[in-house]
PDB file of N, CA and C in Angstrom:
ATOM      1  N   UNK A   1      17.170  40.149 150.993  1.00  0.00           N
ATOM      2  CA  UNK A   1      18.657  40.163 150.647  1.00  0.00           C
ATOM      3  C   UNK A   1      19.770  38.962 151.298  1.00  0.00           C
ATOM      4  N   UNK A   2      20.406  39.326 149.622  1.00  0.00           N
ATOM      5  CA  UNK A   2      21.601  37.511 149.603  1.00  0.00           C
ATOM      6  C   UNK A   2      22.548  38.154 151.163  1.00  0.00           C
ATOM      7  N   UNK A   3      22.839  36.713 151.488  1.00  0.00           N
ATOM      8  CA  UNK A   3      23.324  37.156 152.797  1.00  0.00           C
ATOM      9  C   UNK A   3      24.807  36.032 152.681  1.00  0.00           C
ATOM     10  N   UNK A   4      25.974  36.444 152.800  1.00  0.00           N
ATOM     11  CA  UNK A   4      27.051  35.511 152.501  1.00  0.00           C
ATOM     12  C   UNK A   4      26.849  34.407 154.191  1.00  0.00           C
ATOM     13  N   UNK A   5      27.940  33.036 153.563  1.00  0.00           N
ATOM     14  CA  UNK A   5      28.210  32.040 154.629  1.00  0.00           C
ATOM     15  C   UNK A   5      29.316  32.648 155.265  1.00  0.00           C
ATOM     16  N   UNK A   6      29.896  32.966 154.388  1.00  0.00           N
ATOM     17  CA  UNK A   6      31.689  33.229 155.666  1.00  0.00           C
ATOM     18  C   UNK A   6      31.571  34.581 154.895  1.00  0.00           C
ATOM     19  N   UNK A   7      32.000  35.311 156.301  1.00  0.00           N
ATOM     20  CA  UNK A   7      32.279  37.023 156.502  1.00  0.00           C
ATOM     21  C   UNK A   7      33.421  37.506 156.726  1.00  0.00           C
ATOM     22  N   UNK A   8      34.015  38.309 156.171  1.00  0.00           N
ATOM     23  CA  UNK A   8      35.355  38.618 156.914  1.00  0.00           C
ATOM     24  C   UNK A   8      34.923  40.158 157.521  1.00  0.00           C
ATOM     25  N   UNK A   9      35.958  40.330 158.941  1.00  0.00           N
ATOM     26  CA  UNK A   9      34.960  40.859 159.711  1.00  0.00           C
ATOM     27  C   UNK A   9      35.571  42.772 159.424  1.00  0.00           C
ATOM     28  N   UNK A  10      34.475  43.558 159.821  1.00  0.00           N
ATOM     29  CA  UNK A  10      34.990  44.787 159.115  1.00  0.00           C
ATOM     30  C   UNK A  10      36.266  45.581 160.270  1.00  0.00           C
ATOM     31  N   UNK A  11      36.724  46.128 159.556  1.00  0.00           N
ATOM     32  CA  UNK A  11      37.646  47.112 160.688  1.00  0.00           C
ATOM     33  C   UNK A  11      36.757  48.250 161.457  1.00  0.00           C
ATOM     34  N   UNK A  12      35.929  47.943 162.371  1.00  0.00           N
ATOM     35  CA  UNK A  12      35.043  48.644 163.365  1.00  0.00           C
ATOM     36  C   UNK A  12      35.625  49.772 164.358  1.00  0.00           C
ATOM     37  N   UNK A  13      36.377  49.610 164.894  1.00  0.00           N
ATOM     38  CA  UNK A  13      37.363  50.362 165.765  1.00  0.00           C
ATOM     39  C   UNK A  13      38.101  51.796 165.130  1.00  0.00           C
ATOM     40  N   UNK A  14      37.555  52.833 165.594  1.00  0.00           N
ATOM     41  CA  UNK A  14      38.339  53.609 164.790  1.00  0.00           C
ATOM     42  C   UNK A  14      38.821  54.640 165.912  1.00  0.00           C
ATOM     43  N   UNK A  15      40.319  55.121 165.589  1.00  0.00           N
ATOM     44  CA  UNK A  15      41.030  55.315 166.552  1.00  0.00           C
ATOM     45  C   UNK A  15      42.662  55.814 165.699  1.00  0.00           C
ATOM     46  N   UNK A  16      43.144  57.131 166.234  1.00  0.00           N
ATOM     47  CA  UNK A  16      43.952  57.813 165.640  1.00  0.00           C
ATOM     48  C   UNK A  16      43.627  57.834 164.322  1.00  0.00           C
ATOM     49  N   UNK A  17      42.658  58.105 163.907  1.00  0.00           N
ATOM     50  CA  UNK A  17      42.658  58.586 162.369  1.00  0.00           C
ATOM     51  C   UNK A  17      42.604  57.385 161.778  1.00  0.00           C
ATOM     52  N   UNK A  18      42.600  56.431 161.519  1.00  0.00           N
ATOM     53  CA  UNK A  18      42.683  54.791 161.346  1.00  0.00           C
ATOM     54  C   UNK A  18      41.877  54.382 161.834  1.00  0.00           C
ATOM     55  N   UNK A  19      40.606  53.322 160.924  1.00  0.00           N
ATOM     56  CA  UNK A  19      39.649  52.311 161.279  1.00  0.00           C
ATOM     57  C   UNK A  19      40.592  50.942 161.134  1.00  0.00           C
ATOM     58  N   UNK A  20      40.570  49.600 162.021  1.00  0.00           N
ATOM     59  CA  UNK A  20      41.030  49.075 162.120  1.00  0.00           C
ATOM     60  C   UNK A  20      40.210  47.939 163.083  1.00  0.00           C
ATOM     61  N   UNK A  21      40.958  46.550 163.334  1.00  0.00           N
ATOM     62  CA  UNK A  21      40.623  45.614 163.643  1.00  0.00           C
ATOM     63  C   UNK A  21      40.947  45.817 164.782  1.00  0.00           C
ATOM     64  N   UNK A  22      40.036  44.961 165.645  1.00  0.00           N
ATOM     65  CA  UNK A  22      40.422  44.601 167.785  1.00  0.00           C
ATOM     66  C   UNK A  22      41.933  44.368 168.011  1.00  0.00           C
ATOM     67  N   UNK A  23      42.521  45.169 168.691  1.00  0.00           N
ATOM     68  CA  UNK A  23      43.782  45.099 169.136  1.00  0.00           C
ATOM     69  C   UNK A  23      43.694  43.264 169.049  1.00  0.00           C
ATOM     70  N   UNK A  24      42.842  42.271 170.042  1.00  0.00           N
ATOM     71  CA  UNK A  24      43.018  40.675 169.962  1.00  0.00           C
ATOM     72  C   UNK A  24      42.415  40.277 168.903  1.00  0.00           C
ATOM     73  N   UNK A  25      42.034  40.810 167.767  1.00  0.00           N
ATOM     74  CA  UNK A  25      41.580  40.024 167.124  1.00  0.00           C
ATOM     75  C   UNK A  25      39.793  39.754 167.174  1.00  0.00           C
ATOM     76  N   UNK A  26      39.616  40.174 168.174  1.00  0.00           N
ATOM     77  CA  UNK A  26      37.914  39.438 168.489  1.00  0.00           C
ATOM     78  C   UNK A  26      37.382  40.615 167.602  1.00  0.00           C
ATOM     79  N   UNK A  27      36.201  39.323 167.599  1.00  0.00           N
ATOM     80  CA  UNK A  27      34.884  39.520 166.390  1.00  0.00           C
ATOM     81  C   UNK A  27      33.498  39.567 167.322  1.00  0.00           C
ATOM     82  N   UNK A  28      32.317  39.840 166.635  1.00  0.00           N
ATOM     83  CA  UNK A  28      31.438  40.179 167.256  1.00  0.00           C
ATOM     84  C   UNK A  28      30.376  39.671 166.124  1.00  0.00           C
ATOM     85  N   UNK A  29      29.547  39.153 165.495  1.00  0.00           N
ATOM     86  CA  UNK A  29      28.391  38.854 164.556  1.00  0.00           C
ATOM     87  C   UNK A  29      27.529  39.733 165.539  1.00  0.00           C
ATOM     88  N   UNK A  30      26.631  40.645 164.239  1.00  0.00           N
ATOM     89  CA  UNK A  30      25.902  41.501 164.275  1.00  0.00           C
ATOM     90  C   UNK A  30      24.684  40.828 163.793  1.00  0.00           C
ATOM     91  N   UNK A  31      23.302  40.345 164.206  1.00  0.00           N
ATOM     92  CA  UNK A  31      22.392  40.084 164.201  1.00  0.00           C
ATOM     93  C   UNK A  31      21.279  41.533 163.935  1.00  0.00           C
ATOM     94  N   UNK A  32      20.704  40.844 162.534  1.00  0.00           N
ATOM     95  CA  UNK A  32      19.333  41.513 162.187  1.00  0.00           C
ATOM     96  C   UNK A  32      18.439  41.899 163.671  1.00  0.00           C
ATOM     97  N   UNK A  33      17.670  42.395 163.849  1.00  0.00           N
ATOM     98  CA  UNK A  33      16.377  42.539 164.796  1.00  0.00           C
ATOM     99  C   UNK A  33      15.489  42.214 163.986  1.00  0.00           C
ATOM    100  N   UNK A  34      14.989  41.952 163.464  1.00  0.00           N
ATOM    101  CA  UNK A  34      14.216  41.656 162.262  1.00  0.00           C
ATOM    102  C   UNK A  34      13.696  40.421 161.909  1.00  0.00           C
ATOM    103  N   UNK A  35      14.647  39.852 161.303  1.00  0.00           N
ATOM    104  CA  UNK A  35      15.038  38.117 161.533  1.00  0.00           C
ATOM    105  C   UNK A  35      15.668  37.494 162.507  1.00  0.00           C
ATOM    106  N   UNK A  36      16.636  38.089 162.984  1.00  0.00           N
ATOM    107  CA  UNK A  36      16.981  36.945 163.723  1.00  0.00           C
ATOM    108  C   UNK A  36      18.564  36.861 162.721  1.00  0.00           C
ATOM    109  N   UNK A  37      18.668  36.558 161.747  1.00  0.00           N
ATOM    110  CA  UNK A  37      20.142  36.677 160.782  1.00  0.00           C
ATOM    111  C   UNK A  37      21.651  36.923 161.011  1.00  0.00           C
ATOM    112  N   UNK A  38      22.482  36.716 160.614  1.00  0.00           N
ATOM    113  CA  UNK A  38      23.550  37.576 161.327  1.00  0.00           C
ATOM    114  C   UNK A  38      23.557  38.528 160.150  1.00  0.00           C
ATOM    115  N   UNK A  39      24.052  39.578 160.077  1.00  0.00           N
ATOM    116  CA  UNK A  39      24.348  40.076 158.828  1.00  0.00           C
ATOM    117  C   UNK A  39      25.429  41.760 158.723  1.00  0.00           C
ATOM    118  N   UNK A  40      26.831  41.233 159.921  1.00  0.00           N
ATOM    119  CA  UNK A  40      27.722  41.514 159.907  1.00  0.00           C
ATOM    120  C   UNK A  40      29.050  41.101 160.605  1.00  0.00           C
ATOM    121  N   UNK A  41      30.222  41.173 160.853  1.00  0.00           N
ATOM    122  CA  UNK A  41      30.960  40.787 161.588  1.00  0.00           C
ATOM    123  C   UNK A  41      31.826  42.137 162.051  1.00  0.00           C
ATOM    124  N   UNK A  42      31.721  42.146 162.963  1.00  0.00           N
ATOM    125  CA  UNK A  42      32.401  43.394 163.360  1.00  0.00           C
ATOM    126  C   UNK A  42      33.515  43.500 164.411  1.00  0.00           C
ATOM    127  N   UNK A  43      34.694  44.228 164.229  1.00  0.00           N
ATOM    128  CA  UNK A  43      35.973  44.229 165.291  1.00  0.00           C
ATOM    129  C   UNK A  43      34.713  44.824 166.896  1.00  0.00           C
ATOM    130  N   UNK A  44      35.594  43.662 168.116  1.00  0.00           N
ATOM    131  CA  UNK A  44      35.317  43.992 169.244  1.00  0.00           C
ATOM    132  C   UNK A  44      36.008  44.104 169.780  1.00  0.00           C
ATOM    133  N   UNK A  45      35.936  45.113 170.641  1.00  0.00           N
ATOM    134  CA  UNK A  45      37.394  46.406 171.203  1.00  0.00           C
ATOM    135  C   UNK A  45      36.968  45.816 172.735  1.00  0.00           C
ATOM    136  N   UNK A  46      37.926  45.724 173.280  1.00  0.00           N
ATOM    137  CA  UNK A  46      38.473  45.827 174.717  1.00  0.00           C
ATOM    138  C   UNK A  46      39.512  47.041 175.651  1.00  0.00           C
ATOM    139  N   UNK A  47      39.952  46.540 176.815  1.00  0.00           N
ATOM    140  CA  UNK A  47      40.566  47.094 177.215  1.00  0.00           C
ATOM    141  C   UNK A  47      41.472  47.522 176.604  1.00  0.00           C
ATOM    142  N   UNK A  48      42.575  47.515 176.030  1.00  0.00           N
ATOM    143  CA  UNK A  48      43.440  47.141 175.277  1.00  0.00           C
ATOM    144  C   UNK A  48      43.233  48.559 174.178  1.00  0.00           C
ATOM    145  N   UNK A  49      42.340  48.307 173.191  1.00  0.00           N
ATOM    146  CA  UNK A  49      41.494  49.331 172.248  1.00  0.00           C
ATOM    147  C   UNK A  49      41.182  50.516 173.377  1.00  0.00           C
ATOM    148  N   UNK A  50      40.973  50.718 174.175  1.00  0.00           N
ATOM    149  CA  UNK A  50      40.054  51.833 174.817  1.00  0.00           C
ATOM    150  C   UNK A  50      41.568  52.830 175.012  1.00  0.00           C
ATOM    151  N   UNK A  51      42.591  51.790 175.862  1.00  0.00           N
ATOM    152  CA  UNK A  51      44.005  52.111 175.441  1.00  0.00           C
ATOM    153  C   UNK A  51      44.431  53.374 175.007  1.00  0.00           C
ATOM    154  N   UNK A  52      44.478  52.186 173.341  1.00  0.00           N
ATOM    155  CA  UNK A  52      45.141  52.902 172.148  1.00  0.00           C
ATOM    156  C   UNK A  52      44.432  54.529 171.953  1.00  0.00           C
ATOM    157  N   UNK A  53      42.146  53.977 172.338  1.00  0.00           N
ATOM    158  CA  UNK A  53      41.626  55.298 171.691  1.00  0.00           C
ATOM    159  C   UNK A  53      42.272  56.145 172.370  1.00  0.00           C
ATOM    160  N   UNK A  54      42.159  55.800 173.745  1.00  0.00           N
ATOM    161  CA  UNK A  54      42.359  57.679 175.706  1.00  0.00           C
ATOM    162  C   UNK A  54      43.754  58.070 174.334  1.00  0.00           C
ATOM    163  N   UNK A  55      45.184  57.233 173.823  1.00  0.00           N
ATOM    164  CA  UNK A  55      46.223  57.740 173.734  1.00  0.00           C
ATOM    165  C   UNK A  55      46.480  58.779 172.479  1.00  0.00           C
ATOM    166  N   UNK A  56      45.381  57.942 171.712  1.00  0.00           N
ATOM    167  CA  UNK A  56      44.945  58.584 170.391  1.00  0.00           C
ATOM    168  C   UNK A  56      44.539  60.313 170.848  1.00  0.00           C
ATOM    169  N   UNK A  57      43.315  60.273 171.440  1.00  0.00           N
ATOM    170  CA  UNK A  57      42.889  61.579 171.939  1.00  0.00           C
ATOM    171  C   UNK A  57      43.721  62.524 172.561  1.00  0.00           C
ATOM    172  N   UNK A  58      44.255  62.158 173.706  1.00  0.00           N
ATOM    173  CA  UNK A  58      45.292  62.758 174.530  1.00  0.00           C
ATOM    174  C   UNK A  58      46.579  63.431 173.352  1.00  0.00           C
ATOM    175  N   UNK A  59      46.705  62.022 172.623  1.00  0.00           N
ATOM    176  CA  UNK A  59      48.134  62.491 171.554  1.00  0.00           C
ATOM    177  C   UNK A  59      47.694  64.423 170.381  1.00  0.00           C
ATOM    178  N   UNK A  60      46.486  63.856 169.817  1.00  0.00           N
ATOM    179  CA  UNK A  60      45.226  64.394 169.468  1.00  0.00           C
ATOM    180  C   UNK A  60      45.226  66.221 169.855  1.00  0.00           C
ATOM    181  N   UNK A  61      44.993  66.096 171.198  1.00  0.00           N
ATOM    182  CA  UNK A  61      44.336  67.261 171.737  1.00  0.00           C
ATOM    183  C   UNK A  61      45.441  67.508 171.829  1.00  0.00           C
ATOM    184  N   UNK A  62      46.492  67.170 172.686  1.00  0.00           N
ATOM    185  CA  UNK A  62      48.161  68.038 172.996  1.00  0.00           C
ATOM    186  C   UNK A  62      48.783  68.061 171.962  1.00  0.00           C
ATOM    187  N   UNK A  63      49.005  67.552 170.989  1.00  0.00           N
ATOM    188  CA  UNK A  63      49.816  67.893 169.509  1.00  0.00           C
ATOM    189  C   UNK A  63      49.028  68.718 168.324  1.00  0.00           C
ATOM    190  N   UNK A  64      47.814  68.156 168.110  1.00  0.00           N
ATOM    191  CA  UNK A  64      46.811  68.556 167.340  1.00  0.00           C
ATOM    192  C   UNK A  64      46.604  70.353 167.187  1.00  0.00           C
ATOM    193  N   UNK A  65      45.359  70.470 166.569  1.00  0.00           N
ATOM    194  CA  UNK A  65      44.551  71.911 165.931  1.00  0.00           C
ATOM    195  C   UNK A  65      43.465  71.778 167.056  1.00  0.00           C
ATOM    196  N   UNK A  66      42.840  70.465 167.935  1.00  0.00           N
ATOM    197  CA  UNK A  66      42.236  70.152 168.599  1.00  0.00           C
ATOM    198  C   UNK A  66      41.350  71.404 169.750  1.00  0.00           C
ATOM    199  N   UNK A  67      42.781  71.949 170.491  1.00  0.00           N
ATOM    200  CA  UNK A  67      42.357  72.686 171.405  1.00  0.00           C
ATOM    201  C   UNK A  67      42.702  73.885 170.714  1.00  0.00           C
ATOM    202  N   UNK A  68      42.519  74.288 170.130  1.00  0.00           N
ATOM    203  CA  UNK A  68      42.267  76.132 169.710  1.00  0.00           C
ATOM    204  C   UNK A  68      41.585  75.930 168.646  1.00  0.00           C
ATOM    205  N   UNK A  69      41.018  75.113 168.382  1.00  0.00           N
ATOM    206  CA  UNK A  69      39.800  75.248 166.904  1.00  0.00           C
ATOM    207  C   UNK A  69      38.572  75.563 167.901  1.00  0.00           C
ATOM    208  N   UNK A  70      37.668  76.741 167.065  1.00  0.00           N
ATOM    209  CA  UNK A  70      36.471  76.894 167.893  1.00  0.00           C
ATOM    210  C   UNK A  70      35.921  76.564 167.582  1.00  0.00           C
ATOM    211  N   UNK A  71      35.332  76.440 168.976  1.00  0.00           N
ATOM    212  CA  UNK A  71      34.170  75.821 169.391  1.00  0.00           C
ATOM    213  C   UNK A  71      32.403  75.596 168.223  1.00  0.00           C
ATOM    214  N   UNK A  72      32.492  76.673 167.323  1.00  0.00           N
ATOM    215  CA  UNK A  72      31.702  76.542 166.213  1.00  0.00           C
ATOM    216  C   UNK A  72      32.084  74.840 165.773  1.00  0.00           C
ATOM    217  N   UNK A  73      33.637  75.696 165.038  1.00  0.00           N
ATOM    218  CA  UNK A  73      34.102  74.765 164.032  1.00  0.00           C
ATOM    219  C   UNK A  73      34.110  72.990 164.626  1.00  0.00           C
ATOM    220  N   UNK A  74      34.082  72.712 165.935  1.00  0.00           N
ATOM    221  CA  UNK A  74      34.300  71.797 166.478  1.00  0.00           C
ATOM    222  C   UNK A  74      32.625  71.283 166.302  1.00  0.00           C
ATOM    223  N   UNK A  75      31.580  71.546 166.779  1.00  0.00           N
ATOM    224  CA  UNK A  75      30.534  71.315 166.350  1.00  0.00           C
ATOM    225  C   UNK A  75      30.297  70.429 165.080  1.00  0.00           C
ATOM    226  N   UNK A  76      30.787  71.221 164.425  1.00  0.00           N
ATOM    227  CA  UNK A  76      30.202  71.434 163.218  1.00  0.00           C
ATOM    228  C   UNK A  76      31.130  69.806 162.687  1.00  0.00           C
TER     229      UNK A  76
END
């Protein structure tokens, strides 16, 4: 597999229905366990990202259809 020498971080934090970078801009290199070579650069969340995700979840629960959605539909 060809590897990039320079990578742009992937937006790997999903909150509020959107993929985004870490609030701090921090990233983490992910290594392939088979050969210990880097294969991805991902956003590395922190407390601020957790707070944003919890806020988005609370808003979705309070304002969105989630609490009125049947359990079977949520499970799907």
